[in-house]
PDB file of N, CA and C in Angstrom:
ATOM      1  N   MET A   1      69.863  47.790  50.022  1.00  0.00           N
ATOM      2  CA  MET A   1      69.954  46.857  50.154  1.00  0.00           C
ATOM      3  C   MET A   1      69.345  46.001  48.865  1.00  0.00           C
ATOM      4  N   GLU A   2      68.474  46.374  48.621  1.00  0.00           N
ATOM      5  CA  GLU A   2      66.967  46.230  47.782  1.00  0.00           C
ATOM      6  C   GLU A   2      67.754  46.765  46.071  1.00  0.00           C
ATOM      7  N   GLU A   3      67.931  48.004  46.088  1.00  0.00           N
ATOM      8  CA  GLU A   3      68.471  48.545  45.248  1.00  0.00           C
ATOM      9  C   GLU A   3      69.609  47.480  44.631  1.00  0.00           C
ATOM     10  N   VAL A   4      70.876  46.986  45.560  1.00  0.00           N
ATOM     11  CA  VAL A   4      71.620  46.059  45.262  1.00  0.00           C
ATOM     12  C   VAL A   4      71.270  44.857  44.208  1.00  0.00           C
ATOM     13  N   ILE A   5      70.484  44.533  45.206  1.00  0.00           N
ATOM     14  CA  ILE A   5      69.732  43.257  44.798  1.00  0.00           C
ATOM     15  C   ILE A   5      69.318  43.087  43.418  1.00  0.00           C
ATOM     16  N   GLN A   6      67.854  44.138  43.215  1.00  0.00           N
ATOM     17  CA  GLN A   6      67.843  44.384  41.818  1.00  0.00           C
ATOM     18  C   GLN A   6      68.592  44.919  41.032  1.00  0.00           C
ATOM     19  N   GLN A   7      69.899  45.367  41.129  1.00  0.00           N
ATOM     20  CA  GLN A   7      70.339  45.718  40.159  1.00  0.00           C
ATOM     21  C   GLN A   7      70.886  43.996  39.686  1.00  0.00           C
ATOM     22  N   PHE A   8      71.400  43.352  40.619  1.00  0.00           N
ATOM     23  CA  PHE A   8      72.712  41.790  40.555  1.00  0.00           C
ATOM     24  C   PHE A   8      71.161  41.226  39.938  1.00  0.00           C
ATOM     25  N   LEU A   9      69.494  40.516  40.028  1.00  0.00           N
ATOM     26  CA  LEU A   9      69.262  39.990  38.902  1.00  0.00           C
ATOM     27  C   LEU A   9      69.403  39.738  38.206  1.00  0.00           C
ATOM     28  N   PRO A  10      69.359  40.749  37.262  1.00  0.00           N
ATOM     29  CA  PRO A  10      69.756  40.255  35.594  1.00  0.00           C
ATOM     30  C   PRO A  10      70.264  39.943  35.035  1.00  0.00           C
ATOM     31  N   LEU A  11      71.556  39.789  36.291  1.00  0.00           N
ATOM     32  CA  LEU A  11      73.591  39.280  36.074  1.00  0.00           C
ATOM     33  C   LEU A  11      72.882  37.594  36.144  1.00  0.00           C
ATOM     34  N   ILE A  12      72.408  37.860  37.204  1.00  0.00           N
ATOM     35  CA  ILE A  12      72.175  36.458  37.161  1.00  0.00           C
ATOM     36  C   ILE A  12      71.213  35.554  36.287  1.00  0.00           C
ATOM     37  N   ILE A  13      70.025  35.985  35.998  1.00  0.00           N
ATOM     38  CA  ILE A  13      69.271  35.750  35.332  1.00  0.00           C
ATOM     39  C   ILE A  13      69.779  35.509  33.816  1.00  0.00           C
ATOM     40  N   ILE A  14      70.804  36.616  33.458  1.00  0.00           N
ATOM     41  CA  ILE A  14      71.644  36.152  32.151  1.00  0.00           C
ATOM     42  C   ILE A  14      72.355  34.995  32.062  1.00  0.00           C
ATOM     43  N   SER A  15      73.283  35.012  33.390  1.00  0.00           N
ATOM     44  CA  SER A  15      74.130  33.605  33.714  1.00  0.00           C
ATOM     45  C   SER A  15      73.581  32.383  33.866  1.00  0.00           C
ATOM     46  N   ILE A  16      72.343  32.293  34.000  1.00  0.00           N
ATOM     47  CA  ILE A  16      71.907  30.936  34.254  1.00  0.00           C
ATOM     48  C   ILE A  16      72.001  30.126  32.291  1.00  0.00           C
ATOM     49  N   PRO A  17      71.787  30.823  31.758  1.00  0.00           N
ATOM     50  CA  PRO A  17      71.855  29.690  30.494  1.00  0.00           C
ATOM     51  C   PRO A  17      73.321  29.687  30.222  1.00  0.00           C
ATOM     52  N   ILE A  18      74.216  31.020  30.063  1.00  0.00           N
ATOM     53  CA  ILE A  18      75.269  30.853  29.891  1.00  0.00           C
ATOM     54  C   ILE A  18      75.908  29.351  30.816  1.00  0.00           C
ATOM     55  N   MET A  19      75.578  29.469  31.780  1.00  0.00           N
ATOM     56  CA  MET A  19      76.085  28.729  32.491  1.00  0.00           C
ATOM     57  C   MET A  19      75.791  27.096  32.493  1.00  0.00           C
ATOM     58  N   PHE A  20      74.649  26.695  31.565  1.00  0.00           N
ATOM     59  CA  PHE A  20      74.709  25.441  31.329  1.00  0.00           C
ATOM     60  C   PHE A  20      75.228  25.170  29.057  1.00  0.00           C
ATOM     61  N   ILE A  21      75.586  26.226  28.985  1.00  0.00           N
ATOM     62  CA  ILE A  21      75.983  26.299  27.623  1.00  0.00           C
ATOM     63  C   ILE A  21      77.534  25.900  28.016  1.00  0.00           C
ATOM     64  N   CYS A  22      77.935  26.417  29.187  1.00  0.00           N
ATOM     65  CA  CYS A  22      79.233  26.253  29.335  1.00  0.00           C
ATOM     66  C   CYS A  22      79.443  24.882  29.917  1.00  0.00           C
ATOM     67  N   ARG A  23      78.614  24.352  30.842  1.00  0.00           N
ATOM     68  CA  ARG A  23      78.231  22.874  31.558  1.00  0.00           C
ATOM     69  C   ARG A  23      78.500  22.075  30.231  1.00  0.00           C
ATOM     70  N   SER A  24      77.573  22.200  28.723  1.00  0.00           N
ATOM     71  CA  SER A  24      77.790  21.268  28.132  1.00  0.00           C
ATOM     72  C   SER A  24      78.654  21.379  27.057  1.00  0.00           C
ATOM     73  N   ILE A  25      79.545  22.608  27.016  1.00  0.00           N
ATOM     74  CA  ILE A  25      80.816  22.312  26.341  1.00  0.00           C
ATOM     75  C   ILE A  25      81.434  21.709  27.106  1.00  0.00           C
ATOM     76  N   ALA A  26      81.789  21.673  28.581  1.00  0.00           N
ATOM     77  CA  ALA A  26      83.012  20.458  29.572  1.00  0.00           C
ATOM     78  C   ALA A  26      82.429  19.217  29.127  1.00  0.00           C
ATOM     79  N   ILE A  27      81.587  19.261  29.024  1.00  0.00           N
ATOM     80  CA  ILE A  27      81.256  17.205  29.196  1.00  0.00           C
ATOM     81  C   ILE A  27      81.521  17.364  27.367  1.00  0.00           C
ATOM     82  N   GLU A  28      81.345  17.542  26.663  1.00  0.00           N
ATOM     83  CA  GLU A  28      81.797  17.619  25.009  1.00  0.00           C
ATOM     84  C   GLU A  28      82.856  17.419  24.957  1.00  0.00           C
ATOM     85  N   LYS A  29      83.819  18.597  25.354  1.00  0.00           N
ATOM     86  CA  LYS A  29      85.136  18.747  25.638  1.00  0.00           C
ATOM     87  C   LYS A  29      86.023  17.838  26.238  1.00  0.00           C
ATOM     88  N   GLY A  30      85.662  17.374  27.297  1.00  0.00           N
ATOM     89  CA  GLY A  30      85.754  16.248  28.392  1.00  0.00           C
ATOM     90  C   GLY A  30      87.002  16.663  29.397  1.00  0.00           C
ATOM     91  N   LYS A  31      86.377  18.118  29.878  1.00  0.00           N
ATOM     92  CA  LYS A  31      87.259  18.734  30.810  1.00  0.00           C
ATOM     93  C   LYS A  31      86.299  19.209  32.438  1.00  0.00           C
ATOM     94  N   ASN A  32      86.190  19.371  33.287  1.00  0.00           N
ATOM     95  CA  ASN A  32      86.305  19.236  34.667  1.00  0.00           C
ATOM     96  C   ASN A  32      85.015  20.197  34.730  1.00  0.00           C
ATOM     97  N   VAL A  33      83.629  19.565  34.500  1.00  0.00           N
ATOM     98  CA  VAL A  33      82.542  20.021  34.327  1.00  0.00           C
ATOM     99  C   VAL A  33      82.149  21.140  36.166  1.00  0.00           C
ATOM    100  N   THR A  34      82.429  20.425  37.055  1.00  0.00           N
ATOM    101  CA  THR A  34      82.090  21.211  38.041  1.00  0.00           C
ATOM    102  C   THR A  34      82.873  22.787  37.792  1.00  0.00           C
ATOM    103  N   LEU A  35      83.898  22.633  37.678  1.00  0.00           N
ATOM    104  CA  LEU A  35      84.470  23.992  37.495  1.00  0.00           C
ATOM    105  C   LEU A  35      84.035  25.307  36.359  1.00  0.00           C
ATOM    106  N   TRP A  36      83.894  23.805  35.061  1.00  0.00           N
ATOM    107  CA  TRP A  36      83.356  25.286  34.152  1.00  0.00           C
ATOM    108  C   TRP A  36      82.072  26.107  34.524  1.00  0.00           C
ATOM    109  N   THR A  37      81.310  24.403  35.490  1.00  0.00           N
ATOM    110  CA  THR A  37      79.830  24.628  35.013  1.00  0.00           C
ATOM    111  C   THR A  37      80.038  26.381  36.557  1.00  0.00           C
ATOM    112  N   ILE A  38      80.879  26.175  37.209  1.00  0.00           N
ATOM    113  CA  ILE A  38      80.998  27.684  38.243  1.00  0.00           C
ATOM    114  C   ILE A  38      81.225  29.045  37.568  1.00  0.00           C
ATOM    115  N   LEU A  39      81.716  28.651  36.623  1.00  0.00           N
ATOM    116  CA  LEU A  39      82.466  29.688  36.433  1.00  0.00           C
ATOM    117  C   LEU A  39      81.185  30.468  35.194  1.00  0.00           C
ATOM    118  N   GLY A  40      81.005  29.443  34.689  1.00  0.00           N
ATOM    119  CA  GLY A  40      79.926  29.613  33.602  1.00  0.00           C
ATOM    120  C   GLY A  40      78.714  30.775  34.309  1.00  0.00           C
ATOM    121  N   LEU A  41      78.677  30.590  35.936  1.00  0.00           N
ATOM    122  CA  LEU A  41      77.464  31.328  36.420  1.00  0.00           C
ATOM    123  C   LEU A  41      78.221  32.389  37.193  1.00  0.00           C
ATOM    124  N   ILE A  42      79.306  33.022  37.010  1.00  0.00           N
ATOM    125  CA  ILE A  42      79.667  34.047  38.030  1.00  0.00           C
ATOM    126  C   ILE A  42      79.703  35.775  37.038  1.00  0.00           C
ATOM    127  N   PRO A  43      79.330  35.912  36.739  1.00  0.00           N
ATOM    128  CA  PRO A  43      79.157  37.605  35.825  1.00  0.00           C
ATOM    129  C   PRO A  43      80.490  37.894  35.858  1.00  0.00           C
ATOM    130  N   GLY A  44      80.427  38.142  34.421  1.00  0.00           N
ATOM    131  CA  GLY A  44      81.500  38.685  34.177  1.00  0.00           C
ATOM    132  C   GLY A  44      82.862  37.980  33.487  1.00  0.00           C
ATOM    133  N   ILE A  45      83.003  36.923  34.445  1.00  0.00           N
ATOM    134  CA  ILE A  45      83.619  35.849  34.190  1.00  0.00           C
ATOM    135  C   ILE A  45      83.135  34.858  32.615  1.00  0.00           C
ATOM    136  N   ASN A  46      81.350  34.512  33.201  1.00  0.00           N
ATOM    137  CA  ASN A  46      81.469  33.224  32.111  1.00  0.00           C
ATOM    138  C   ASN A  46      81.538  33.866  30.477  1.00  0.00           C
ATOM    139  N   ILE A  47      81.659  35.042  30.174  1.00  0.00           N
ATOM    140  CA  ILE A  47      81.809  35.880  29.239  1.00  0.00           C
ATOM    141  C   ILE A  47      82.832  35.055  28.458  1.00  0.00           C
ATOM    142  N   TYR A  48      83.693  35.579  29.257  1.00  0.00           N
ATOM    143  CA  TYR A  48      85.181  34.593  29.380  1.00  0.00           C
ATOM    144  C   TYR A  48      85.277  33.266  29.139  1.00  0.00           C
ATOM    145  N   SER A  49      84.741  32.671  30.362  1.00  0.00           N
ATOM    146  CA  SER A  49      84.582  30.981  30.014  1.00  0.00           C
ATOM    147  C   SER A  49      84.075  30.609  28.652  1.00  0.00           C
ATOM    148  N   LEU A  50      83.145  31.203  28.056  1.00  0.00           N
ATOM    149  CA  LEU A  50      82.790  30.463  26.584  1.00  0.00           C
ATOM    150  C   LEU A  50      83.843  30.821  24.901  1.00  0.00           C
ATOM    151  N   LEU A  51      84.922  31.769  25.377  1.00  0.00           N
ATOM    152  CA  LEU A  51      85.927  31.492  24.218  1.00  0.00           C
ATOM    153  C   LEU A  51      86.644  30.324  24.274  1.00  0.00           C
TER     154      LEU A  51
END
């Protein structure tokens, strides 16, 4: 179980800055901030939400 957490932790650490970037872009564009903040936090989906 600890190995799974250790493997998932770097993805979360990388996702946190992407979450803030998605949030600021959503504010600038007038989109749903909560939705885009959550999408920016999910590993794998967060890269596509920036496109």
